[in-house]
Amino acid sequence: MEFPAVGYRNNTDGALNNPGTNGNYWSSTQNSSSDAYEMYFNSSSVNTNNPNRKNGLSVRCVRQEFTTLILTQPL
């Protein structure tokens, strides 16, 4: 799966920040009424943060794999 380094749109002035060097992607998890989690990366690291939801970050659907819990004894 690819995550292009498209940067993000700043909510203050509308500028496109870090295109071609950073990738900023929203998580589906909100952190507060004004913030949500993001995954961001550049050529040397991958991290998470919780910027203001007014920023324009990219969205990428990612399939979540589920595993099955196998019980060895009855509940």
Protein backbone atom coordinates (compact mmCIF):
# COMPACT_ATOMS: atom_id res chain seq x y z
CA MET A 1 0.00 0.00 0.00
CA GLU A 2 1.29 3.43 -0.89
CA PHE A 3 0.95 6.64 1.03
CA PRO A 4 2.06 9.50 -1.22
CA ALA A 5 3.88 12.42 0.42
CA VAL A 6 1.22 15.01 -0.39
CA GLY A 7 1.67 17.31 2.64
CA TYR A 8 -1.34 19.06 4.20
CA ARG A 9 -3.46 22.20 3.83
CA ASN A 10 -2.93 24.68 6.70
CA ASN A 11 -6.19 25.87 8.29
CA THR A 12 -4.81 29.35 9.05
CA ASP A 13 -3.77 30.59 5.62
CA GLY A 14 -4.77 27.73 3.28
CA ALA A 15 -1.16 27.12 2.23
CA LEU A 16 -0.11 23.65 1.11
CA ASN A 17 2.67 22.62 3.50
CA ASN A 18 5.46 20.09 2.75
CA PRO A 19 4.18 18.58 -0.53
CA GLY A 20 6.58 15.99 -1.90
CA THR A 21 8.41 15.55 1.41
CA ASN A 22 5.80 14.78 4.10
CA GLY A 23 2.68 12.65 4.16
CA ASN A 24 -0.11 13.58 6.58
CA TYR A 25 -3.11 11.24 6.93
CA TRP A 26 -6.11 11.36 9.26
CA SER A 27 -6.94 8.51 11.57
CA SER A 28 -10.59 7.62 12.10
CA THR A 29 -10.11 8.39 15.81
CA GLN A 30 -10.98 11.80 17.22
CA ASN A 31 -8.85 13.07 20.12
CA SER A 32 -11.11 15.90 21.30
CA SER A 33 -13.89 18.11 19.96
CA SER A 34 -11.34 20.06 17.90
CA ASP A 35 -8.49 17.55 17.28
CA ALA A 36 -8.06 14.13 15.70
CA TYR A 37 -5.16 11.73 15.37
CA GLU A 38 -2.94 11.69 12.32
CA MET A 39 -0.12 9.57 10.96
CA TYR A 40 2.64 11.62 9.41
CA PHE A 41 5.92 10.69 7.81
CA ASN A 42 8.96 11.99 5.97
CA SER A 43 12.05 10.32 4.57
CA SER A 44 13.42 9.49 8.04
CA SER A 45 10.49 8.80 10.39
CA VAL A 46 6.84 7.87 10.91
CA ASN A 47 4.92 9.33 13.85
CA THR A 48 1.49 10.23 15.18
CA ASN A 49 0.14 13.56 16.33
CA ASN A 50 -3.22 15.22 17.07
CA PRO A 51 -3.62 18.39 14.98
CA ASN A 52 -6.70 20.56 14.68
CA ARG A 53 -9.40 18.98 12.53
CA LYS A 54 -9.63 22.20 10.50
CA ASN A 55 -6.35 21.29 8.79
CA GLY A 56 -6.70 19.60 5.41
CA LEU A 57 -5.04 16.20 5.73
CA SER A 58 -5.42 13.31 3.33
CA VAL A 59 -7.65 10.30 3.95
CA ARG A 60 -6.74 6.81 2.84
CA CYS A 61 -8.95 3.77 3.43
CA VAL A 62 -6.96 0.95 5.01
CA ARG A 63 -8.39 -2.50 5.57
CA GLN A 64 -8.17 -3.63 9.16
CA GLU A 65 -7.34 -7.30 9.54
CA PHE A 66 -9.08 -9.19 12.29
CA THR A 67 -7.77 -12.24 14.07
CA THR A 68 -9.80 -14.97 15.70
CA LEU A 69 -9.36 -15.71 19.36
CA ILE A 70 -9.16 -19.45 19.94
CA LEU A 71 -10.14 -20.52 23.43
CA THR A 72 -8.50 -23.66 24.79
CA GLN A 73 -10.93 -23.97 27.71
CA PRO A 74 -14.70 -23.30 27.89
CA LEU A 75 -15.76 -19.97 29.39
